[in-house]
């Protein structure tokens, strides 16, 4: 029996501070949950991560895209603005803000 990638991914992974302290781990967890359309849990993971490290621009960016995929453009814009504030020299975040403002996830 061959399983697809999304069938191998657990539906939920408990949110712990240890998991949420590593940017790469947070990104992977959020992507895996997003693939299974479990946006709420992915958002929970990313929100906890930015609570632990409010200057983590990459996690704010991830959170913005998760909100956008979940249809919450207002929170997506706020999160992307936080990414820009944390790393104002990264043009990707400014481009991302324009995309989420336009409703493109």
Foldseek 3Di string as FASTA:
>chain_A
DDDDPLVPQDQADDQDPVQLQDLVSLLVRLVSNVVVVVLVRNLVSLVSNCVVPVLPLSSLQSNLVSCLVVVNLVSSLVSLVSSCVSPVVDVVSVVSNVCSVVSHD
